Amino acid sequence: MAENEKAPALIVVAHPEDVVRLFSTVAPGADLAVVTEEGSAGRELEAVGRALGARSTHLLLSPSEVGPWCRERRARSEVRVYTHSPQEEAPLHREVALLVSRVFDRLWVPATGARPTACTVLDDAAFQRKLALLNSLYRARPGGAASGACTDPVRDGPGIEAFTEARAGDVVRALSLTKPEVFAELADPWGFARSPYEGERFALTTKVLETLRHAGPPRRVVDVGACEGVMTEHLLTLFPDASVQAVESEPRFVTRLRERLGRHARVRIVEARAEDVALEADLVLFAEVLYYLSDDACRGLLDRLRASHLLTSYGGGFGAQVHAALAERGWRCVQAATLPGRIEPVDGASSPLLVRRAGTEIRRWER
């Protein structure tokens, strides 16, 4: 951190007020950039830059401009980069964080759901200047208070600015674990290899399935949403006489799946959507995959299912919906095990960004 602190600061955010709300203490002398199509943003950003003592301001009119602009800045000199946390709620904020992380491996983000590594408590004068600047921005906008924007500084706690230094991989994993998108650019985006929670989930899944070894072990297994093959490997060990069909639609996951298991005689890797493959087997796994399908696709999948045994792994309200849909189709839960939720680093080990793993109920079904 010491050497990096000497580098000029680069702040890339979604809107001018984000600079004020989240980064006012690091804005003096910094280069500011906002990513927005709002026509007045350029003037607002210039005003913010003058008030905070920034070195320069830049208006990026589309998220597509973030990558090229950041690469150009990186080529010029070493910079200390600040941007949004991937754990913020606003979609554009998360997108900006992801785009910046694709250029810079190290970046500083507000310590939202994270262990802070730098923190500044504003004195009264700095706090009042910050509020005045925010109010001037909101006052100039039509219907500013009606939009709800004026509640944001209070909720975000403008009197304290705390940051954590994150890696690009931390950003991708935080998004993978909290948003419905799949970010296949990073190997093991859900942290299966290092997460204690995921380790326990695989162990509990194995324990639930072990009972099948003593009551007619399956000879044909379909692993739907095999991803990079972690669970598929467990299945090969658990059922040494079974052939396993690993179904995965994301090309980059398929590449890693083939690298892991492509030469295994008992594995058939199928690059296809779950909706496009036959689901006829002794055992089918629908573990942690139905989230990514539409309601119609889920219903179609369950209607086409032809199996002796089924394994699911879902919790909360979504799990209740899946369980009810299976019961309506004549499936009977014969074994269940619950894994409580927990808070842990997004990579399962050392990342300062934290995530709440929601917990799950692993069920084996028969019909």
Protein backbone atom coordinates (compact mmCIF):
# COMPACT_ATOMS: atom_id res chain seq x y z
CA MET A 1 0.00 0.00 0.00
CA ALA A 2 2.81 2.44 0.85
CA GLU A 3 4.17 2.74 -2.69
CA ASN A 4 0.70 2.86 -4.20
CA GLU A 5 -0.29 5.73 -1.90
CA LYS A 6 2.23 7.95 -3.75
CA ALA A 7 0.40 7.41 -7.04
CA PRO A 8 -2.28 9.88 -8.14
CA ALA A 9 -5.83 8.84 -7.40
CA LEU A 10 -8.26 7.89 -10.16
CA ILE A 11 -11.95 7.82 -9.20
CA VAL A 12 -14.41 6.16 -11.61
CA VAL A 13 -18.07 6.20 -10.56
CA ALA A 14 -21.58 6.31 -12.00
CA HIS A 15 -22.73 9.85 -11.08
CA PRO A 16 -21.23 13.14 -9.85
CA GLU A 17 -22.91 12.80 -6.45
CA ASP A 18 -21.18 9.43 -5.96
CA VAL A 19 -17.86 11.26 -5.83
CA VAL A 20 -19.21 13.47 -3.06
CA ARG A 21 -21.04 10.76 -1.11
CA LEU A 22 -18.34 8.14 -1.15
CA PHE A 23 -14.96 9.61 -2.14
CA SER A 24 -14.77 13.25 -0.99
CA THR A 25 -11.78 12.55 1.25
CA VAL A 26 -9.67 11.12 -1.59
CA ALA A 27 -10.89 13.48 -4.36
CA PRO A 28 -8.38 16.34 -3.81
CA GLY A 29 -5.78 16.09 -6.57
CA ALA A 30 -7.56 13.13 -8.17
CA ASP A 31 -8.75 12.53 -11.72
CA LEU A 32 -12.54 12.08 -11.65
CA ALA A 33 -14.65 10.19 -14.20
CA VAL A 34 -18.37 9.48 -14.22
CA VAL A 35 -20.29 7.06 -16.43
CA THR A 36 -23.72 8.43 -17.24
CA GLU A 37 -25.87 9.55 -20.16
CA GLU A 38 -27.40 12.42 -18.19
CA GLY A 39 -26.94 15.66 -20.10
CA SER A 40 -26.17 17.82 -17.06
CA ALA A 41 -23.62 15.45 -15.59
CA GLY A 42 -20.66 17.19 -17.22
CA ARG A 43 -21.45 20.53 -15.64
CA GLU A 44 -22.20 18.89 -12.30
CA LEU A 45 -18.94 16.95 -12.40
CA GLU A 46 -16.96 20.12 -13.14
CA ALA A 47 -18.60 21.81 -10.15
CA VAL A 48 -17.83 18.81 -7.93
CA GLY A 49 -14.23 18.75 -9.16
CA ARG A 50 -13.71 22.43 -8.37
CA ALA A 51 -15.31 22.13 -4.94
CA LEU A 52 -13.26 19.08 -3.96
CA GLY A 53 -9.98 20.20 -5.51
CA ALA A 54 -9.75 17.48 -8.15
CA ARG A 55 -7.04 17.61 -10.78
CA SER A 56 -9.32 16.81 -13.73
CA THR A 57 -12.85 15.65 -14.63
CA HIS A 58 -13.99 13.37 -17.42
CA LEU A 59 -17.47 12.45 -18.64
CA LEU A 60 -17.86 8.94 -20.07
CA LEU A 61 -21.16 8.73 -21.90
CA SER A 62 -21.47 4.95 -21.94
CA PRO A 63 -20.18 1.97 -19.94
CA SER A 64 -18.45 0.85 -23.15
CA GLU A 65 -16.07 3.81 -22.75
CA VAL A 66 -14.83 2.72 -19.31
CA GLY A 67 -12.44 0.00 -20.45
CA PRO A 68 -10.61 1.98 -23.17
CA TRP A 69 -10.37 5.10 -21.00
CA CYS A 70 -9.04 3.15 -18.00
CA ARG A 71 -6.49 1.32 -20.14
CA GLU A 72 -5.26 4.63 -21.51
CA ARG A 73 -4.89 5.99 -17.97
CA ARG A 74 -3.07 2.84 -16.84
CA ALA A 75 -0.62 3.13 -19.75
CA ARG A 76 0.27 6.69 -18.76
CA SER A 77 1.33 6.12 -15.18
CA GLU A 78 0.75 4.21 -11.98
CA VAL A 79 -2.56 5.21 -10.38
CA ARG A 80 -4.47 4.36 -7.23
CA VAL A 81 -7.97 3.45 -8.41
CA TYR A 82 -11.21 4.05 -6.52
CA THR A 83 -14.59 2.83 -7.72
CA HIS A 84 -17.92 1.43 -6.53
CA SER A 85 -18.26 -1.66 -4.40
CA PRO A 86 -19.63 -4.69 -6.27
CA GLN A 87 -21.96 -5.14 -3.30
CA GLU A 88 -23.90 -1.93 -3.93
CA GLU A 89 -27.52 -2.28 -5.02
CA ALA A 90 -27.61 0.05 -8.06
CA PRO A 91 -27.02 -1.96 -11.27
CA LEU A 92 -24.89 0.76 -12.89
CA HIS A 93 -22.68 0.96 -9.81
CA ARG A 94 -22.02 -2.78 -9.97
CA GLU A 95 -21.36 -2.60 -13.71
CA VAL A 96 -18.83 0.20 -13.26
CA ALA A 97 -17.02 -1.80 -10.56
CA LEU A 98 -16.82 -4.81 -12.86
CA LEU A 99 -15.59 -2.80 -15.85
CA VAL A 100 -12.88 -1.08 -13.80
CA SER A 101 -11.78 -4.42 -12.32
CA ARG A 102 -11.23 -5.76 -15.85
CA VAL A 103 -8.47 -3.18 -16.32
CA PHE A 104 -6.93 -2.81 -12.84
CA ASP A 105 -6.10 -5.78 -10.66
CA ARG A 106 -6.01 -3.71 -7.47
CA LEU A 107 -8.71 -1.20 -6.63
CA TRP A 108 -10.15 0.56 -3.62
CA VAL A 109 -13.88 0.35 -2.97
CA PRO A 110 -16.18 1.62 -0.22
CA ALA A 111 -16.21 -0.87 2.63
CA THR A 112 -19.79 -2.00 2.00
CA GLY A 113 -20.04 -5.50 3.43
CA ALA A 114 -16.29 -5.61 3.86
CA ARG A 115 -13.49 -5.32 6.37
CA PRO A 116 -12.25 -1.69 6.02
CA THR A 117 -8.53 -1.11 5.58
CA ALA A 118 -8.68 2.71 5.55
CA CYS A 119 -11.17 4.97 7.28
CA THR A 120 -11.61 8.73 7.65
CA VAL A 121 -14.05 10.47 9.99
CA LEU A 122 -14.84 13.91 8.57
CA ASP A 123 -14.48 16.85 10.92
CA ASP A 124 -17.43 19.22 11.21
CA ALA A 125 -16.23 21.66 8.54
CA ALA A 126 -15.59 18.89 5.98
CA PHE A 127 -18.91 17.28 6.85
CA GLN A 128 -20.83 20.53 6.32
CA ARG A 129 -19.05 21.18 2.99
CA LYS A 130 -20.01 17.70 1.85
CA LEU A 131 -23.67 18.16 2.76
CA ALA A 132 -23.79 21.55 1.11
CA LEU A 133 -22.32 20.17 -2.11
CA LEU A 134 -24.77 17.24 -2.16
CA ASN A 135 -27.70 19.55 -1.57
CA SER A 136 -26.60 21.88 -4.34
CA LEU A 137 -26.56 18.93 -6.76
CA TYR A 138 -29.99 17.70 -5.73
CA ARG A 139 -31.48 21.20 -5.65
CA ALA A 140 -30.54 21.77 -9.28
CA ARG A 141 -32.44 18.70 -10.46
CA PRO A 142 -36.14 18.67 -11.30
CA GLY A 143 -37.97 16.68 -8.64
CA GLY A 144 -34.75 15.99 -6.77
CA ALA A 145 -36.38 15.15 -3.45
CA ALA A 146 -39.23 13.29 -5.12
CA SER A 147 -36.74 10.91 -6.72
CA GLY A 148 -35.63 9.76 -3.30
CA ALA A 149 -32.07 10.93 -3.88
CA CYS A 150 -32.06 13.18 -0.83
CA THR A 151 -32.36 10.18 1.46
CA ASP A 152 -29.18 8.63 0.06
CA PRO A 153 -26.55 10.64 1.97
CA VAL A 154 -28.25 9.91 5.27
CA ARG A 155 -28.46 6.21 4.53
CA ASP A 156 -24.91 6.07 3.26
CA GLY A 157 -23.43 7.81 6.31
CA PRO A 158 -21.51 10.67 4.69
CA GLY A 159 -19.60 11.50 7.86
CA ILE A 160 -17.40 8.40 7.55
CA GLU A 161 -15.59 7.27 4.41
CA ALA A 162 -14.15 3.78 4.74
CA PHE A 163 -12.42 1.81 2.00
CA THR A 164 -11.06 -1.63 1.44
CA GLU A 165 -8.45 -2.71 -1.07
CA ALA A 166 -9.83 -5.46 -3.28
CA ARG A 167 -8.52 -7.58 -6.12
CA ALA A 168 -10.25 -7.90 -9.47
CA GLY A 169 -11.14 -11.49 -8.61
CA ASP A 170 -12.84 -10.30 -5.42
CA VAL A 171 -15.14 -8.09 -7.48
CA VAL A 172 -16.14 -10.93 -9.82
CA ARG A 173 -16.73 -13.34 -6.95
CA ALA A 174 -18.81 -10.80 -5.03
CA LEU A 175 -21.02 -10.31 -8.08
CA SER A 176 -21.23 -14.06 -8.78
CA LEU A 177 -22.41 -14.76 -5.26
CA THR A 178 -24.95 -11.97 -4.95
CA LYS A 179 -26.37 -11.38 -8.44
CA PRO A 180 -28.12 -13.63 -10.98
CA GLU A 181 -25.50 -13.12 -13.68
CA VAL A 182 -22.86 -15.80 -14.34
CA PHE A 183 -19.31 -14.44 -14.58
CA ALA A 184 -17.42 -17.29 -16.25
CA GLU A 185 -14.32 -15.17 -17.01
CA LEU A 186 -12.85 -16.14 -13.65
CA ALA A 187 -12.07 -19.75 -12.77
CA ASP A 188 -14.13 -20.97 -9.80
CA PRO A 189 -16.17 -17.74 -9.51
CA TRP A 190 -18.22 -19.10 -6.59
CA GLY A 191 -15.16 -20.07 -4.56
CA PHE A 192 -15.97 -23.80 -4.45
CA ALA A 193 -12.32 -24.76 -3.93
CA ARG A 194 -11.66 -22.61 -0.85
CA SER A 195 -15.01 -21.86 0.76
CA PRO A 196 -15.64 -23.74 4.03
CA TYR A 197 -19.37 -23.39 3.36
CA GLU A 198 -19.09 -24.95 -0.09
CA GLY A 199 -16.85 -27.70 1.27
CA GLU A 200 -19.51 -28.58 3.82
CA ARG A 201 -22.21 -28.43 1.14
CA PHE A 202 -20.37 -30.94 -1.04
CA ALA A 203 -19.73 -33.18 1.98
CA LEU A 204 -23.39 -33.04 3.03
CA THR A 205 -24.51 -33.77 -0.54
CA THR A 206 -22.23 -36.80 -0.58
CA LYS A 207 -23.68 -37.97 2.73
CA VAL A 208 -27.23 -37.72 1.41
CA LEU A 209 -26.34 -39.63 -1.76
CA GLU A 210 -24.32 -42.32 0.02
CA THR A 211 -27.50 -44.14 1.03
CA LEU A 212 -28.05 -44.99 -2.64
CA ARG A 213 -24.92 -47.14 -2.65
CA HIS A 214 -26.66 -49.63 -0.40
CA ALA A 215 -30.02 -49.67 -2.19
CA GLY A 216 -29.33 -50.22 -5.86
CA PRO A 217 -26.60 -47.71 -6.78
CA PRO A 218 -27.33 -45.66 -9.91
CA ARG A 219 -25.70 -46.71 -13.17
CA ARG A 220 -26.66 -43.59 -15.11
CA VAL A 221 -26.28 -40.13 -13.53
CA VAL A 222 -27.00 -36.70 -15.07
CA ASP A 223 -25.33 -33.71 -13.42
CA VAL A 224 -27.25 -30.64 -14.65
CA GLY A 225 -25.21 -27.43 -14.51
CA ALA A 226 -21.92 -29.26 -13.93
CA CYS A 227 -19.96 -25.98 -14.11
CA GLU A 228 -16.25 -26.85 -13.81
CA GLY A 229 -16.83 -30.42 -12.62
CA VAL A 230 -16.30 -30.26 -8.85
CA MET A 231 -19.50 -32.18 -8.06
CA THR A 232 -19.01 -34.46 -11.06
CA GLU A 233 -15.73 -35.63 -9.51
CA HIS A 234 -17.54 -36.38 -6.26
CA LEU A 235 -20.08 -38.47 -8.17
CA LEU A 236 -17.40 -40.55 -9.87
CA THR A 237 -15.90 -41.43 -6.51
CA LEU A 238 -19.25 -42.03 -4.86
CA PHE A 239 -20.59 -44.31 -7.60
CA PRO A 240 -17.58 -46.15 -9.10
CA ASP A 241 -19.70 -48.16 -11.53
CA ALA A 242 -21.83 -45.30 -12.84
CA SER A 243 -21.53 -43.33 -16.06
CA VAL A 244 -22.01 -39.60 -15.53
CA GLN A 245 -23.35 -37.12 -18.07
CA ALA A 246 -22.14 -33.62 -17.18
CA VAL A 247 -24.39 -30.95 -18.73
CA GLU A 248 -23.08 -27.38 -18.97
CA SER A 249 -24.01 -24.51 -21.29
CA GLU A 250 -21.35 -21.86 -20.55
CA PRO A 251 -18.45 -22.39 -23.02
CA ARG A 252 -15.71 -21.28 -20.63
CA PHE A 253 -16.95 -23.64 -17.93
CA VAL A 254 -17.13 -26.42 -20.51
CA THR A 255 -13.48 -25.82 -21.42
CA ARG A 256 -12.42 -26.17 -17.78
CA LEU A 257 -14.73 -29.17 -17.34
CA ARG A 258 -13.01 -30.90 -20.26
CA GLU A 259 -9.59 -30.06 -18.85
CA ARG A 260 -10.59 -31.64 -15.56
CA LEU A 261 -12.56 -34.69 -16.71
CA GLY A 262 -12.49 -34.86 -20.50
CA ARG A 263 -10.32 -37.99 -20.55
CA HIS A 264 -12.30 -39.87 -17.93
CA ALA A 265 -13.89 -42.94 -19.48
CA ARG A 266 -17.06 -42.74 -17.39
CA VAL A 267 -17.81 -39.07 -18.08
CA ARG A 268 -19.71 -37.69 -21.06
CA ILE A 269 -19.58 -33.91 -21.28
CA VAL A 270 -22.55 -32.31 -23.01
CA GLU A 271 -22.34 -28.63 -23.96
CA ALA A 272 -26.02 -27.69 -24.00
CA ARG A 273 -28.73 -25.92 -22.08
CA ALA A 274 -30.57 -28.04 -19.54
CA GLU A 275 -33.76 -27.40 -21.52
CA ASP A 276 -32.25 -29.13 -24.57
CA VAL A 277 -31.11 -32.46 -23.12
CA ALA A 278 -32.98 -35.63 -22.19
CA LEU A 279 -33.35 -36.03 -18.44
CA GLU A 280 -33.64 -39.81 -18.26
CA ALA A 281 -31.35 -41.47 -15.71
CA ASP A 282 -31.23 -43.38 -12.44
CA LEU A 283 -30.16 -40.16 -10.69
CA VAL A 284 -30.47 -36.53 -11.80
CA LEU A 285 -28.87 -33.63 -9.92
CA PHE A 286 -30.58 -30.23 -9.97
CA ALA A 287 -28.29 -28.64 -7.36
CA GLU A 288 -27.95 -24.82 -7.29
CA VAL A 289 -28.87 -24.45 -10.96
CA LEU A 290 -32.59 -23.67 -11.27
CA TYR A 291 -31.98 -20.07 -10.11
CA TYR A 292 -30.62 -19.26 -13.54
CA LEU A 293 -33.65 -20.45 -15.52
CA SER A 294 -36.93 -18.73 -16.24
CA ASP A 295 -40.10 -19.95 -14.52
CA ASP A 296 -41.30 -21.53 -17.76
CA ALA A 297 -37.98 -23.30 -18.29
CA CYS A 298 -38.05 -24.65 -14.72
CA ARG A 299 -41.56 -26.00 -15.16
CA GLY A 300 -40.62 -27.59 -18.47
CA LEU A 301 -37.56 -29.22 -16.93
CA LEU A 302 -39.54 -30.74 -14.07
CA ASP A 303 -42.25 -31.94 -16.44
CA ARG A 304 -39.70 -33.75 -18.65
CA LEU A 305 -37.84 -35.37 -15.79
CA ARG A 306 -37.69 -39.18 -16.01
CA ALA A 307 -35.54 -40.47 -13.18
CA SER A 308 -35.64 -42.86 -10.25
CA HIS A 309 -33.90 -40.44 -7.91
CA LEU A 310 -33.48 -36.67 -7.86
CA LEU A 311 -31.20 -34.44 -5.79
CA THR A 312 -31.94 -30.77 -5.12
CA SER A 313 -30.09 -28.12 -3.10
CA TYR A 314 -32.04 -24.93 -2.45
CA GLY A 315 -33.01 -22.84 0.55
CA GLY A 316 -35.37 -20.08 1.55
CA GLY A 317 -38.40 -19.06 -0.46
CA PHE A 318 -36.98 -20.34 -3.72
CA GLY A 319 -36.38 -23.73 -2.17
CA ALA A 320 -39.95 -23.84 -0.91
CA GLN A 321 -41.20 -23.18 -4.45
CA VAL A 322 -39.03 -25.95 -5.91
CA HIS A 323 -40.12 -28.42 -3.23
CA ALA A 324 -43.79 -27.61 -3.78
CA ALA A 325 -43.44 -27.98 -7.56
CA LEU A 326 -41.84 -31.42 -7.16
CA ALA A 327 -44.51 -32.57 -4.70
CA GLU A 328 -47.20 -31.52 -7.17
CA ARG A 329 -45.55 -33.79 -9.75
CA GLY A 330 -45.57 -36.80 -7.47
CA TRP A 331 -42.05 -36.63 -6.11
CA ARG A 332 -41.53 -37.67 -2.48
CA CYS A 333 -38.68 -36.40 -0.33
CA VAL A 334 -37.00 -39.43 1.27
CA GLN A 335 -33.98 -37.73 2.83
CA ALA A 336 -33.03 -34.19 3.76
CA ALA A 337 -30.13 -32.37 5.38
CA THR A 338 -29.88 -28.67 6.21
CA LEU A 339 -26.79 -26.50 5.95
CA PRO A 340 -27.14 -23.19 7.85
CA GLY A 341 -26.06 -19.93 6.25
CA ARG A 342 -22.93 -18.06 7.26
CA ILE A 343 -20.88 -14.95 6.52
CA GLU A 344 -17.46 -15.54 4.99
CA PRO A 345 -15.01 -13.93 2.53
CA VAL A 346 -16.16 -14.02 -1.09
CA ASP A 347 -13.26 -16.32 -1.99
CA GLY A 348 -13.87 -18.44 1.09
CA ALA A 349 -10.48 -17.57 2.54
CA SER A 350 -8.83 -14.15 2.70
CA SER A 351 -10.77 -11.58 0.67
CA PRO A 352 -11.77 -8.45 2.62
CA LEU A 353 -15.16 -8.50 0.83
CA LEU A 354 -17.73 -10.55 2.68
CA VAL A 355 -20.82 -12.42 1.53
CA ARG A 356 -23.68 -14.12 3.32
CA ARG A 357 -23.98 -17.69 2.04
CA ALA A 358 -27.70 -18.14 2.45
CA GLY A 359 -27.80 -21.78 3.52
CA THR A 360 -29.54 -24.64 1.76
CA GLU A 361 -31.59 -27.78 2.23
CA ILE A 362 -30.24 -30.78 0.36
CA ARG A 363 -33.02 -33.22 -0.52
CA ARG A 364 -33.15 -36.61 -2.19
CA TRP A 365 -36.42 -37.41 -3.94
CA GLU A 366 -38.07 -40.53 -5.31
CA ARG A 367 -41.14 -41.05 -7.42
